[in-house]
Amino acid sequence: MANFVKWTYDRDAPAVYRINGMAGTDKTTIACTFAEWLERHELLAASFFCTRTSADCRDVTRIIPTIVYQLARNSAPFQSTLCDILSAEPDAGSKNISKQFERLLK
């Protein structure tokens, strides 16, 4: 958990903390614990947990739209920028994942 807390306050750290590993290595438990800690400290803007047990949560095409939606709900400046992007490019949310990330999150 100490590494996650350090990442949280490190302004030079990457903006996204991605956890990966083999099935059954407690990634979801660790991520949920960290997300709860962030939420308690009012630092969580968005999250998405992939899991094989839920059709919605194993569909990679839902990751970017879900995160974008959460960010727009939590940040008026992000919401404003998102509206501008979608006005100029209405299909930005239906592009492939890389393009969605590039247009909607970068």
N, C-alpha and C. Protein backbone atom coordinates (compact mmCIF):
# COMPACT_ATOMS: atom_id res chain seq x y z
N MET A 1 0.83 -1.20 0.00
CA MET A 1 0.00 0.00 0.00
C MET A 1 0.87 1.26 0.00
N ALA A 2 2.02 1.17 0.59
CA ALA A 2 2.91 2.33 0.67
C ALA A 2 3.30 2.83 -0.72
N ASN A 3 3.52 1.91 -1.67
CA ASN A 3 3.85 2.32 -3.03
C ASN A 3 2.71 3.09 -3.69
N PHE A 4 1.49 2.67 -3.40
CA PHE A 4 0.33 3.36 -3.96
C PHE A 4 0.20 4.77 -3.39
N VAL A 5 0.38 4.89 -2.10
CA VAL A 5 0.29 6.21 -1.45
C VAL A 5 1.39 7.12 -1.99
N LYS A 6 2.59 6.58 -2.13
CA LYS A 6 3.69 7.37 -2.69
C LYS A 6 3.34 7.85 -4.10
N TRP A 7 2.81 6.96 -4.93
CA TRP A 7 2.40 7.32 -6.29
C TRP A 7 1.36 8.43 -6.26
N THR A 8 0.42 8.36 -5.32
CA THR A 8 -0.65 9.33 -5.22
C THR A 8 -0.13 10.76 -5.10
N TYR A 9 0.92 10.93 -4.32
CA TYR A 9 1.42 12.28 -4.05
C TYR A 9 2.63 12.67 -4.89
N ASP A 10 3.08 11.79 -5.77
CA ASP A 10 4.24 12.07 -6.63
C ASP A 10 3.78 12.75 -7.91
N ARG A 11 4.00 14.04 -8.01
CA ARG A 11 3.56 14.81 -9.18
C ARG A 11 4.27 14.39 -10.47
N ASP A 12 5.41 13.74 -10.36
CA ASP A 12 6.15 13.29 -11.53
C ASP A 12 5.76 11.87 -11.96
N ALA A 13 4.93 11.21 -11.19
CA ALA A 13 4.52 9.84 -11.51
C ALA A 13 3.53 9.86 -12.68
N PRO A 14 3.43 8.76 -13.41
CA PRO A 14 2.43 8.68 -14.49
C PRO A 14 1.03 8.93 -13.94
N ALA A 15 0.15 9.47 -14.75
CA ALA A 15 -1.21 9.81 -14.31
C ALA A 15 -2.08 8.58 -14.08
N VAL A 16 -1.73 7.46 -14.68
CA VAL A 16 -2.52 6.24 -14.55
C VAL A 16 -1.67 5.17 -13.88
N TYR A 17 -2.25 4.52 -12.89
CA TYR A 17 -1.56 3.41 -12.22
C TYR A 17 -2.26 2.13 -12.66
N ARG A 18 -1.61 1.37 -13.45
CA ARG A 18 -2.19 0.14 -14.00
C ARG A 18 -1.64 -1.06 -13.24
N ILE A 19 -2.54 -1.91 -12.78
CA ILE A 19 -2.14 -3.12 -12.07
C ILE A 19 -2.44 -4.30 -12.99
N ASN A 20 -1.44 -5.13 -13.22
CA ASN A 20 -1.67 -6.33 -14.02
C ASN A 20 -0.94 -7.50 -13.41
N GLY A 21 -1.31 -8.68 -13.82
CA GLY A 21 -0.69 -9.90 -13.32
C GLY A 21 -1.57 -11.09 -13.63
N MET A 22 -1.10 -12.24 -13.23
CA MET A 22 -1.83 -13.48 -13.50
C MET A 22 -3.11 -13.55 -12.68
N ALA A 23 -4.06 -14.31 -13.17
CA ALA A 23 -5.33 -14.50 -12.47
C ALA A 23 -5.08 -15.07 -11.07
N GLY A 24 -5.87 -14.58 -10.12
CA GLY A 24 -5.78 -15.11 -8.76
C GLY A 24 -4.68 -14.52 -7.91
N THR A 25 -4.08 -13.42 -8.35
CA THR A 25 -2.98 -12.82 -7.57
C THR A 25 -3.44 -11.60 -6.76
N ASP A 26 -4.75 -11.50 -6.52
CA ASP A 26 -5.34 -10.46 -5.66
C ASP A 26 -5.25 -9.05 -6.22
N LYS A 27 -5.16 -8.90 -7.53
CA LYS A 27 -5.11 -7.57 -8.14
C LYS A 27 -6.36 -6.77 -7.80
N THR A 28 -7.53 -7.40 -7.94
CA THR A 28 -8.78 -6.70 -7.68
C THR A 28 -8.89 -6.30 -6.22
N THR A 29 -8.52 -7.17 -5.32
CA THR A 29 -8.56 -6.86 -3.89
C THR A 29 -7.65 -5.68 -3.57
N ILE A 30 -6.45 -5.71 -4.10
CA ILE A 30 -5.49 -4.62 -3.88
C ILE A 30 -6.03 -3.32 -4.46
N ALA A 31 -6.53 -3.37 -5.70
CA ALA A 31 -7.04 -2.17 -6.36
C ALA A 31 -8.25 -1.61 -5.62
N CYS A 32 -9.15 -2.47 -5.17
CA CYS A 32 -10.33 -2.01 -4.43
C CYS A 32 -9.93 -1.36 -3.11
N THR A 33 -8.98 -1.95 -2.42
CA THR A 33 -8.50 -1.39 -1.16
C THR A 33 -7.90 -0.01 -1.40
N PHE A 34 -7.11 0.11 -2.44
CA PHE A 34 -6.49 1.40 -2.77
C PHE A 34 -7.56 2.41 -3.20
N ALA A 35 -8.53 1.99 -4.01
CA ALA A 35 -9.60 2.89 -4.43
C ALA A 35 -10.41 3.38 -3.24
N GLU A 36 -10.67 2.50 -2.29
CA GLU A 36 -11.39 2.91 -1.08
C GLU A 36 -10.58 3.93 -0.29
N TRP A 37 -9.26 3.72 -0.20
CA TRP A 37 -8.40 4.67 0.50
C TRP A 37 -8.44 6.02 -0.21
N LEU A 38 -8.34 6.01 -1.53
CA LEU A 38 -8.40 7.26 -2.30
C LEU A 38 -9.74 7.97 -2.09
N GLU A 39 -10.81 7.20 -2.12
CA GLU A 39 -12.13 7.79 -1.94
C GLU A 39 -12.29 8.40 -0.55
N ARG A 40 -11.81 7.71 0.48
CA ARG A 40 -11.86 8.25 1.85
C ARG A 40 -11.11 9.57 1.95
N HIS A 41 -10.04 9.71 1.18
CA HIS A 41 -9.24 10.93 1.20
C HIS A 41 -9.66 11.93 0.11
N GLU A 42 -10.82 11.66 -0.50
CA GLU A 42 -11.38 12.51 -1.56
C GLU A 42 -10.39 12.74 -2.69
N LEU A 43 -9.71 11.67 -3.09
CA LEU A 43 -8.71 11.74 -4.14
C LEU A 43 -9.07 10.89 -5.36
N LEU A 44 -10.16 10.16 -5.29
CA LEU A 44 -10.53 9.26 -6.39
C LEU A 44 -11.43 10.00 -7.37
N ALA A 45 -10.98 10.14 -8.60
CA ALA A 45 -11.78 10.80 -9.62
C ALA A 45 -12.52 9.78 -10.49
N ALA A 46 -11.91 8.62 -10.71
CA ALA A 46 -12.53 7.60 -11.55
C ALA A 46 -11.84 6.27 -11.34
N SER A 47 -12.57 5.20 -11.61
CA SER A 47 -11.97 3.87 -11.52
C SER A 47 -12.75 2.91 -12.41
N PHE A 48 -12.09 1.84 -12.78
CA PHE A 48 -12.73 0.76 -13.53
C PHE A 48 -12.01 -0.52 -13.16
N PHE A 49 -12.75 -1.53 -12.77
CA PHE A 49 -12.16 -2.81 -12.40
C PHE A 49 -12.58 -3.87 -13.41
N CYS A 50 -11.63 -4.48 -14.05
CA CYS A 50 -11.90 -5.58 -14.99
C CYS A 50 -12.00 -6.88 -14.21
N THR A 51 -12.98 -7.68 -14.57
CA THR A 51 -13.13 -8.99 -13.97
C THR A 51 -13.87 -9.91 -14.94
N ARG A 52 -13.48 -11.15 -14.94
CA ARG A 52 -14.13 -12.13 -15.82
C ARG A 52 -15.54 -12.45 -15.36
N THR A 53 -15.86 -12.21 -14.10
CA THR A 53 -17.14 -12.64 -13.55
C THR A 53 -18.31 -11.73 -13.91
N SER A 54 -18.05 -10.57 -14.50
CA SER A 54 -19.11 -9.64 -14.88
C SER A 54 -18.97 -9.28 -16.35
N ALA A 55 -20.04 -9.46 -17.11
CA ALA A 55 -19.99 -9.14 -18.54
C ALA A 55 -19.63 -7.68 -18.76
N ASP A 56 -20.19 -6.77 -17.97
CA ASP A 56 -19.88 -5.35 -18.12
C ASP A 56 -18.43 -5.04 -17.79
N CYS A 57 -17.89 -5.74 -16.82
CA CYS A 57 -16.53 -5.44 -16.34
C CYS A 57 -15.44 -6.22 -17.06
N ARG A 58 -15.82 -7.06 -18.00
CA ARG A 58 -14.79 -7.73 -18.79
C ARG A 58 -14.78 -7.21 -20.23
N ASP A 59 -15.66 -6.27 -20.52
CA ASP A 59 -15.75 -5.68 -21.86
C ASP A 59 -14.81 -4.48 -21.94
N VAL A 60 -13.69 -4.66 -22.61
CA VAL A 60 -12.67 -3.59 -22.66
C VAL A 60 -13.20 -2.32 -23.32
N THR A 61 -14.23 -2.43 -24.14
CA THR A 61 -14.76 -1.23 -24.80
C THR A 61 -15.49 -0.32 -23.82
N ARG A 62 -15.74 -0.78 -22.60
CA ARG A 62 -16.42 0.04 -21.60
C ARG A 62 -15.46 0.81 -20.69
N ILE A 63 -14.19 0.49 -20.75
CA ILE A 63 -13.22 1.11 -19.84
C ILE A 63 -13.15 2.62 -20.03
N ILE A 64 -12.82 3.08 -21.21
CA ILE A 64 -12.64 4.51 -21.46
C ILE A 64 -13.95 5.28 -21.26
N PRO A 65 -15.08 4.85 -21.86
CA PRO A 65 -16.32 5.59 -21.62
C PRO A 65 -16.71 5.69 -20.14
N THR A 66 -16.48 4.62 -19.38
CA THR A 66 -16.80 4.64 -17.95
C THR A 66 -15.94 5.65 -17.21
N ILE A 67 -14.65 5.63 -17.48
CA ILE A 67 -13.74 6.57 -16.82
C ILE A 67 -14.05 8.00 -17.22
N VAL A 68 -14.31 8.22 -18.51
CA VAL A 68 -14.64 9.57 -18.99
C VAL A 68 -15.91 10.07 -18.31
N TYR A 69 -16.91 9.22 -18.21
CA TYR A 69 -18.16 9.60 -17.54
C TYR A 69 -17.91 10.01 -16.09
N GLN A 70 -17.14 9.20 -15.36
CA GLN A 70 -16.85 9.50 -13.96
C GLN A 70 -16.07 10.80 -13.82
N LEU A 71 -15.09 11.00 -14.68
CA LEU A 71 -14.30 12.24 -14.63
C LEU A 71 -15.18 13.45 -14.91
N ALA A 72 -16.08 13.34 -15.88
CA ALA A 72 -16.97 14.45 -16.22
C ALA A 72 -17.90 14.78 -15.05
N ARG A 73 -18.32 13.77 -14.31
CA ARG A 73 -19.18 14.01 -13.14
C ARG A 73 -18.42 14.67 -12.00
N ASN A 74 -17.12 14.40 -11.91
CA ASN A 74 -16.32 14.90 -10.79
C ASN A 74 -15.54 16.18 -11.08
N SER A 75 -15.49 16.59 -12.34
CA SER A 75 -14.66 17.75 -12.68
C SER A 75 -15.36 18.62 -13.73
N ALA A 76 -15.78 19.81 -13.32
CA ALA A 76 -16.42 20.73 -14.26
C ALA A 76 -15.48 21.12 -15.41
N PRO A 77 -14.20 21.40 -15.14
CA PRO A 77 -13.30 21.72 -16.26
C PRO A 77 -13.16 20.56 -17.25
N PHE A 78 -13.07 19.33 -16.73
CA PHE A 78 -12.99 18.17 -17.62
C PHE A 78 -14.28 18.05 -18.43
N GLN A 79 -15.41 18.23 -17.77
CA GLN A 79 -16.70 18.14 -18.44
C GLN A 79 -16.80 19.16 -19.57
N SER A 80 -16.36 20.37 -19.32
CA SER A 80 -16.39 21.42 -20.33
C SER A 80 -15.51 21.06 -21.53
N THR A 81 -14.30 20.60 -21.25
CA THR A 81 -13.39 20.19 -22.33
C THR A 81 -13.97 19.01 -23.10
N LEU A 82 -14.55 18.06 -22.39
CA LEU A 82 -15.16 16.90 -23.03
C LEU A 82 -16.30 17.33 -23.96
N CYS A 83 -17.12 18.25 -23.51
CA CYS A 83 -18.21 18.75 -24.36
C CYS A 83 -17.66 19.39 -25.63
N ASP A 84 -16.59 20.15 -25.50
CA ASP A 84 -15.96 20.76 -26.68
C ASP A 84 -15.46 19.69 -27.64
N ILE A 85 -14.80 18.68 -27.09
CA ILE A 85 -14.27 17.59 -27.93
C ILE A 85 -15.41 16.87 -28.64
N LEU A 86 -16.46 16.54 -27.90
CA LEU A 86 -17.57 15.79 -28.49
C LEU A 86 -18.38 16.63 -29.47
N SER A 87 -18.40 17.94 -29.27
CA SER A 87 -19.07 18.82 -30.24
C SER A 87 -18.31 18.81 -31.57
N ALA A 88 -17.00 18.82 -31.47
CA ALA A 88 -16.16 18.83 -32.67
C ALA A 88 -16.04 17.44 -33.30
N GLU A 89 -16.13 16.42 -32.47
CA GLU A 89 -15.93 15.04 -32.94
C GLU A 89 -16.93 14.12 -32.23
N PRO A 90 -18.20 14.14 -32.65
CA PRO A 90 -19.25 13.40 -31.95
C PRO A 90 -19.02 11.89 -31.84
N ASP A 91 -18.25 11.32 -32.74
CA ASP A 91 -18.02 9.88 -32.70
C ASP A 91 -16.75 9.49 -31.95
N ALA A 92 -16.15 10.42 -31.23
CA ALA A 92 -14.90 10.14 -30.51
C ALA A 92 -15.06 8.99 -29.52
N GLY A 93 -16.22 8.85 -28.94
CA GLY A 93 -16.45 7.79 -27.96
C GLY A 93 -16.68 6.42 -28.56
N SER A 94 -16.82 6.35 -29.87
CA SER A 94 -17.07 5.05 -30.50
C SER A 94 -15.88 4.56 -31.32
N LYS A 95 -14.78 5.25 -31.22
CA LYS A 95 -13.56 4.84 -31.93
C LYS A 95 -12.90 3.69 -31.18
N ASN A 96 -11.81 3.15 -31.73
CA ASN A 96 -11.10 2.09 -31.02
C ASN A 96 -10.52 2.64 -29.71
N ILE A 97 -10.15 1.77 -28.83
CA ILE A 97 -9.74 2.17 -27.48
C ILE A 97 -8.57 3.15 -27.49
N SER A 98 -7.59 2.92 -28.33
CA SER A 98 -6.44 3.83 -28.41
C SER A 98 -6.87 5.23 -28.81
N LYS A 99 -7.75 5.32 -29.80
CA LYS A 99 -8.25 6.63 -30.26
C LYS A 99 -9.11 7.28 -29.19
N GLN A 100 -9.93 6.48 -28.49
CA GLN A 100 -10.74 7.03 -27.40
C GLN A 100 -9.83 7.64 -26.34
N PHE A 101 -8.81 6.91 -25.95
CA PHE A 101 -7.88 7.40 -24.94
C PHE A 101 -7.23 8.69 -25.41
N GLU A 102 -6.75 8.68 -26.65
CA GLU A 102 -6.07 9.85 -27.23
C GLU A 102 -6.97 11.08 -27.24
N ARG A 103 -8.21 10.91 -27.68
CA ARG A 103 -9.12 12.05 -27.83
C ARG A 103 -9.79 12.45 -26.52
N LEU A 104 -10.14 11.50 -25.69
CA LEU A 104 -10.98 11.81 -24.53
C LEU A 104 -10.24 11.92 -23.21
N LEU A 105 -9.07 11.34 -23.12
CA LEU A 105 -8.37 11.35 -21.82
C LEU A 105 -7.00 12.01 -21.84
N LYS A 106 -6.37 12.10 -22.97
CA LYS A 106 -5.00 12.60 -22.99
C LYS A 106 -4.91 14.09 -22.82
